[in-house]
Amino acid sequence: MKEEPLTAEQSLALLRENTARLASVTKGVPLERLHTASQLDEWSPNDVLAHIRTCCDVWGGNIARILAEEHPTFAGMNPRTWMKRTDYPVWPFEEAFRAFSEQREELLSALESLTPDEWERTATVTSYGQANERTLRSYASQLAKHERTHVRQIERTVAGKATDISSPRTPEGAT
């Protein structure tokens, strides 16, 4: 059974909360700690931020396209695929967080002005040979919930606790 997306209000609140929690948990943490994974098979907080940013690029881009076009059709992209095309994993944490925060403010500004009908605008998204209907609201919900999971991961890593969400690292730091 498919999970119902968050409401517009819930997505907006969670997107704001995720950014605030990330700022709070990383404030004052030495840069070396933010760029170091706690275990070999885990991402550092900076790697996680790079992944969060690529999710914002991809899913936020899908939201923008749904707003700009009348029922667009496009191929879905995995944020991990996009991450391999960026240099996000090598950005200094503070600079990356600043860019993420600016991008988030732009997204929130766009989302806050939407009418209830605009939140339900749709696109046909093809992925793995299948076409699926997606709403703008479903993308905002997916982004907010996925990001919350990774903010919790950073909280645990900064606290020195092993995380339960790990991804094998590649030499470039992007998987």
C-alpha atoms as a PDB file:
ATOM      1  CA  MET A   1       0.000   0.000   0.000  1.00  0.00           C
ATOM      2  CA  LYS A   2       1.345   3.403  -1.000  1.00  0.00           C
ATOM      3  CA  GLU A   3       1.958   5.883   1.816  1.00  0.00           C
ATOM      4  CA  GLU A   4      -0.092   9.087   1.675  1.00  0.00           C
ATOM      5  CA  PRO A   5       2.051  12.211   1.208  1.00  0.00           C
ATOM      6  CA  LEU A   6       2.235  14.783   3.963  1.00  0.00           C
ATOM      7  CA  THR A   7      -0.118  17.728   3.745  1.00  0.00           C
ATOM      8  CA  ALA A   8       1.240  20.973   2.347  1.00  0.00           C
ATOM      9  CA  GLU A   9       1.445  22.423   5.860  1.00  0.00           C
ATOM     10  CA  GLN A  10       3.244  19.346   7.215  1.00  0.00           C
ATOM     11  CA  SER A  11       5.770  19.395   4.376  1.00  0.00           C
ATOM     12  CA  LEU A  12       6.486  23.100   4.841  1.00  0.00           C
ATOM     13  CA  ALA A  13       6.930  22.664   8.587  1.00  0.00           C
ATOM     14  CA  LEU A  14       9.223  19.664   8.188  1.00  0.00           C
ATOM     15  CA  LEU A  15      11.326  21.320   5.486  1.00  0.00           C
ATOM     16  CA  ARG A  16      11.859  24.304   7.829  1.00  0.00           C
ATOM     17  CA  GLU A  17      12.530  22.051  10.814  1.00  0.00           C
ATOM     18  CA  ASN A  18      15.074  19.926   8.953  1.00  0.00           C
ATOM     19  CA  THR A  19      17.129  22.997   8.054  1.00  0.00           C
ATOM     20  CA  ALA A  20      16.979  24.362  11.606  1.00  0.00           C
ATOM     21  CA  ARG A  21      17.929  21.004  13.142  1.00  0.00           C
ATOM     22  CA  LEU A  22      20.842  20.600  10.755  1.00  0.00           C
ATOM     23  CA  ALA A  23      22.106  24.086  11.627  1.00  0.00           C
ATOM     24  CA  SER A  24      21.718  23.422  15.339  1.00  0.00           C
ATOM     25  CA  VAL A  25      23.362  19.998  15.426  1.00  0.00           C
ATOM     26  CA  THR A  26      26.391  21.103  13.380  1.00  0.00           C
ATOM     27  CA  LYS A  27      26.957  24.484  15.033  1.00  0.00           C
ATOM     28  CA  GLY A  28      30.355  24.559  16.701  1.00  0.00           C
ATOM     29  CA  VAL A  29      31.320  21.067  15.520  1.00  0.00           C
ATOM     30  CA  PRO A  30      34.932  21.038  14.306  1.00  0.00           C
ATOM     31  CA  LEU A  31      35.173  20.903  10.520  1.00  0.00           C
ATOM     32  CA  GLU A  32      37.339  17.804  10.721  1.00  0.00           C
ATOM     33  CA  ARG A  33      34.496  16.007  12.515  1.00  0.00           C
ATOM     34  CA  LEU A  34      31.991  17.112   9.866  1.00  0.00           C
ATOM     35  CA  HIS A  35      34.210  15.672   7.140  1.00  0.00           C
ATOM     36  CA  THR A  36      34.966  12.373   8.876  1.00  0.00           C
ATOM     37  CA  ALA A  37      32.806   9.251   8.813  1.00  0.00           C
ATOM     38  CA  SER A  38      32.468   7.461  12.139  1.00  0.00           C
ATOM     39  CA  GLN A  39      33.004   4.098  10.431  1.00  0.00           C
ATOM     40  CA  LEU A  40      34.546   3.108   7.123  1.00  0.00           C
ATOM     41  CA  ASP A  41      31.262   2.150   5.466  1.00  0.00           C
ATOM     42  CA  GLU A  42      29.384   5.289   6.488  1.00  0.00           C
ATOM     43  CA  TRP A  43      29.072   8.767   5.143  1.00  0.00           C
ATOM     44  CA  SER A  44      30.523  11.738   6.989  1.00  0.00           C
ATOM     45  CA  PRO A  45      28.084  14.523   7.896  1.00  0.00           C
ATOM     46  CA  ASN A  46      29.472  16.407   4.880  1.00  0.00           C
ATOM     47  CA  ASP A  47      28.737  13.418   2.621  1.00  0.00           C
ATOM     48  CA  VAL A  48      25.185  13.286   3.979  1.00  0.00           C
ATOM     49  CA  LEU A  49      24.762  17.013   3.351  1.00  0.00           C
ATOM     50  CA  ALA A  50      25.982  16.463  -0.225  1.00  0.00           C
ATOM     51  CA  HIS A  51      23.314  13.779  -0.639  1.00  0.00           C
ATOM     52  CA  ILE A  52      20.620  16.030   0.851  1.00  0.00           C
ATOM     53  CA  ARG A  53      21.630  18.776  -1.570  1.00  0.00           C
ATOM     54  CA  THR A  54      21.339  16.464  -4.563  1.00  0.00           C
ATOM     55  CA  CYS A  55      17.887  15.373  -3.418  1.00  0.00           C
ATOM     56  CA  CYS A  56      16.948  19.054  -3.251  1.00  0.00           C
ATOM     57  CA  ASP A  57      18.364  19.597  -6.732  1.00  0.00           C
ATOM     58  CA  VAL A  58      16.487  16.667  -8.244  1.00  0.00           C
ATOM     59  CA  TRP A  59      13.173  16.689  -6.399  1.00  0.00           C
ATOM     60  CA  GLY A  60      13.111  20.480  -6.030  1.00  0.00           C
ATOM     61  CA  GLY A  61      13.781  20.670  -9.768  1.00  0.00           C
ATOM     62  CA  ASN A  62      10.836  18.366 -10.370  1.00  0.00           C
ATOM     63  CA  ILE A  63       8.659  20.658  -8.250  1.00  0.00           C
ATOM     64  CA  ALA A  64       9.795  23.671 -10.288  1.00  0.00           C
ATOM     65  CA  ARG A  65       9.044  21.867 -13.530  1.00  0.00           C
ATOM     66  CA  ILE A  66       5.559  20.875 -12.361  1.00  0.00           C
ATOM     67  CA  LEU A  67       4.906  24.533 -11.535  1.00  0.00           C
ATOM     68  CA  ALA A  68       6.314  25.850 -14.801  1.00  0.00           C
ATOM     69  CA  GLU A  69       4.639  23.419 -17.193  1.00  0.00           C
ATOM     70  CA  GLU A  70       1.138  22.098 -17.578  1.00  0.00           C
ATOM     71  CA  HIS A  71       1.328  18.393 -16.690  1.00  0.00           C
ATOM     72  CA  PRO A  72       4.913  17.759 -17.857  1.00  0.00           C
ATOM     73  CA  THR A  73       6.296  14.350 -18.713  1.00  0.00           C
ATOM     74  CA  PHE A  74       9.906  13.672 -17.814  1.00  0.00           C
ATOM     75  CA  ALA A  75      12.305  10.911 -16.858  1.00  0.00           C
ATOM     76  CA  GLY A  76      12.935  10.512 -13.168  1.00  0.00           C
ATOM     77  CA  MET A  77      16.490  10.815 -11.915  1.00  0.00           C
ATOM     78  CA  ASN A  78      18.002   9.156  -8.886  1.00  0.00           C
ATOM     79  CA  PRO A  79      19.676  11.781  -6.659  1.00  0.00           C
ATOM     80  CA  ARG A  80      22.662   9.444  -6.224  1.00  0.00           C
ATOM     81  CA  THR A  81      23.173   9.510  -9.980  1.00  0.00           C
ATOM     82  CA  TRP A  82      23.044  13.305  -9.927  1.00  0.00           C
ATOM     83  CA  MET A  83      25.472  13.404  -6.979  1.00  0.00           C
ATOM     84  CA  LYS A  84      28.111  11.677  -9.099  1.00  0.00           C
ATOM     85  CA  ARG A  85      27.887  14.601 -11.539  1.00  0.00           C
ATOM     86  CA  THR A  86      28.485  17.230  -8.853  1.00  0.00           C
ATOM     87  CA  ASP A  87      31.420  18.218  -6.708  1.00  0.00           C
ATOM     88  CA  TYR A  88      29.207  18.493  -3.606  1.00  0.00           C
ATOM     89  CA  PRO A  89      31.110  15.877  -1.560  1.00  0.00           C
ATOM     90  CA  VAL A  90      34.295  17.982  -1.648  1.00  0.00           C
ATOM     91  CA  TRP A  91      32.695  21.296  -0.684  1.00  0.00           C
ATOM     92  CA  PRO A  92      33.636  22.627   2.765  1.00  0.00           C
ATOM     93  CA  PHE A  93      30.716  21.993   5.115  1.00  0.00           C
ATOM     94  CA  GLU A  94      29.998  25.635   5.956  1.00  0.00           C
ATOM     95  CA  GLU A  95      29.929  26.658   2.285  1.00  0.00           C
ATOM     96  CA  ALA A  96      27.756  23.657   1.389  1.00  0.00           C
ATOM     97  CA  PHE A  97      25.337  24.385   4.227  1.00  0.00           C
ATOM     98  CA  ARG A  98      25.095  28.028   3.169  1.00  0.00           C
ATOM     99  CA  ALA A  99      24.247  26.970  -0.417  1.00  0.00           C
ATOM    100  CA  PHE A 100      21.726  24.428   0.894  1.00  0.00           C
ATOM    101  CA  SER A 101      20.097  27.059   3.133  1.00  0.00           C
ATOM    102  CA  GLU A 102      19.766  29.520   0.247  1.00  0.00           C
ATOM    103  CA  GLN A 103      18.271  26.825  -1.969  1.00  0.00           C
ATOM    104  CA  ARG A 104      15.860  25.882   0.824  1.00  0.00           C
ATOM    105  CA  GLU A 105      14.700  29.470   1.265  1.00  0.00           C
ATOM    106  CA  GLU A 106      13.971  29.697  -2.464  1.00  0.00           C
ATOM    107  CA  LEU A 107      11.994  26.449  -2.352  1.00  0.00           C
ATOM    108  CA  LEU A 108      10.030  27.480   0.745  1.00  0.00           C
ATOM    109  CA  SER A 109       9.253  30.847  -0.815  1.00  0.00           C
ATOM    110  CA  ALA A 110       7.864  29.131  -3.907  1.00  0.00           C
ATOM    111  CA  LEU A 111       5.894  26.555  -1.915  1.00  0.00           C
ATOM    112  CA  GLU A 112       4.443  29.000   0.609  1.00  0.00           C
ATOM    113  CA  SER A 113       2.739  30.965  -2.147  1.00  0.00           C
ATOM    114  CA  LEU A 114       0.909  27.971  -3.631  1.00  0.00           C
ATOM    115  CA  THR A 115      -2.822  27.481  -3.554  1.00  0.00           C
ATOM    116  CA  PRO A 116      -4.238  24.107  -2.500  1.00  0.00           C
ATOM    117  CA  ASP A 117      -4.903  23.286  -6.163  1.00  0.00           C
ATOM    118  CA  GLU A 118      -1.300  24.068  -7.120  1.00  0.00           C
ATOM    119  CA  TRP A 119      -0.034  21.591  -4.520  1.00  0.00           C
ATOM    120  CA  GLU A 120      -1.972  18.919  -6.439  1.00  0.00           C
ATOM    121  CA  ARG A 121      -0.506  19.731  -9.871  1.00  0.00           C
ATOM    122  CA  THR A 122       0.787  16.587 -11.543  1.00  0.00           C
ATOM    123  CA  ALA A 123       3.464  15.241 -13.847  1.00  0.00           C
ATOM    124  CA  THR A 124       4.012  11.941 -15.567  1.00  0.00           C
ATOM    125  CA  VAL A 125       7.388  10.637 -14.468  1.00  0.00           C
ATOM    126  CA  THR A 126       8.990   7.701 -16.235  1.00  0.00           C
ATOM    127  CA  SER A 127      11.367   5.481 -14.371  1.00  0.00           C
ATOM    128  CA  TYR A 128      12.610   1.977 -15.100  1.00  0.00           C
ATOM    129  CA  GLY A 129      10.241   1.719 -18.060  1.00  0.00           C
ATOM    130  CA  GLN A 130       7.139   2.680 -16.091  1.00  0.00           C
ATOM    131  CA  ALA A 131       5.150   5.908 -16.125  1.00  0.00           C
ATOM    132  CA  ASN A 132       3.788   7.176 -12.825  1.00  0.00           C
ATOM    133  CA  GLU A 133       1.698  10.192 -11.930  1.00  0.00           C
ATOM    134  CA  ARG A 134       3.332  12.354  -9.272  1.00  0.00           C
ATOM    135  CA  THR A 135       1.977  15.442  -7.567  1.00  0.00           C
ATOM    136  CA  LEU A 136       3.958  18.445  -6.489  1.00  0.00           C
ATOM    137  CA  ARG A 137       2.798  17.638  -2.955  1.00  0.00           C
ATOM    138  CA  SER A 138       4.204  14.109  -3.209  1.00  0.00           C
ATOM    139  CA  TYR A 139       7.631  15.487  -4.172  1.00  0.00           C
ATOM    140  CA  ALA A 140       7.627  18.013  -1.309  1.00  0.00           C
ATOM    141  CA  SER A 141       6.589  15.269   1.106  1.00  0.00           C
ATOM    142  CA  GLN A 142       9.227  12.857  -0.203  1.00  0.00           C
ATOM    143  CA  LEU A 143      11.919  15.503   0.120  1.00  0.00           C
ATOM    144  CA  ALA A 144      10.899  16.481   3.666  1.00  0.00           C
ATOM    145  CA  LYS A 145      10.647  12.917   4.979  1.00  0.00           C
ATOM    146  CA  HIS A 146      13.799  11.671   3.252  1.00  0.00           C
ATOM    147  CA  GLU A 147      15.734  14.647   4.523  1.00  0.00           C
ATOM    148  CA  ARG A 148      14.471  14.123   8.090  1.00  0.00           C
ATOM    149  CA  THR A 149      15.986  10.627   8.020  1.00  0.00           C
ATOM    150  CA  HIS A 150      19.364  12.027   6.999  1.00  0.00           C
ATOM    151  CA  VAL A 151      19.263  14.881   9.517  1.00  0.00           C
ATOM    152  CA  ARG A 152      18.787  12.224  12.199  1.00  0.00           C
ATOM    153  CA  GLN A 153      21.732  10.347  10.713  1.00  0.00           C
ATOM    154  CA  ILE A 154      23.914  13.453  11.047  1.00  0.00           C
ATOM    155  CA  GLU A 155      22.699  13.964  14.614  1.00  0.00           C
ATOM    156  CA  ARG A 156      23.765  10.427  15.528  1.00  0.00           C
ATOM    157  CA  THR A 157      27.111  10.739  13.726  1.00  0.00           C
ATOM    158  CA  VAL A 158      27.966  14.066  15.377  1.00  0.00           C
ATOM    159  CA  ALA A 159      26.998  12.563  18.735  1.00  0.00           C
ATOM    160  CA  GLY A 160      29.443   9.705  18.055  1.00  0.00           C
ATOM    161  CA  LYS A 161      26.783   7.025  17.728  1.00  0.00           C
ATOM    162  CA  ALA A 162      26.743   4.483  14.933  1.00  0.00           C
ATOM    163  CA  THR A 163      24.093   5.167  12.362  1.00  0.00           C
ATOM    164  CA  ASP A 164      21.611   2.667  11.053  1.00  0.00           C
ATOM    165  CA  ILE A 165      21.615   4.224   7.583  1.00  0.00           C
ATOM    166  CA  SER A 166      24.923   3.565   5.919  1.00  0.00           C
ATOM    167  CA  SER A 167      26.088   3.564   2.372  1.00  0.00           C
ATOM    168  CA  PRO A 168      29.333   2.235   1.019  1.00  0.00           C
ATOM    169  CA  ARG A 169      31.703   5.060   0.183  1.00  0.00           C
ATOM    170  CA  THR A 170      33.407   5.459  -3.108  1.00  0.00           C
ATOM    171  CA  PRO A 171      36.808   7.110  -3.502  1.00  0.00           C
ATOM    172  CA  GLU A 172      35.043  10.318  -4.603  1.00  0.00           C
ATOM    173  CA  GLY A 173      32.739  10.171  -1.555  1.00  0.00           C
ATOM    174  CA  ALA A 174      29.637   9.929  -3.716  1.00  0.00           C
ATOM    175  CA  THR A 175      27.513   6.848  -4.017  1.00  0.00           C
END
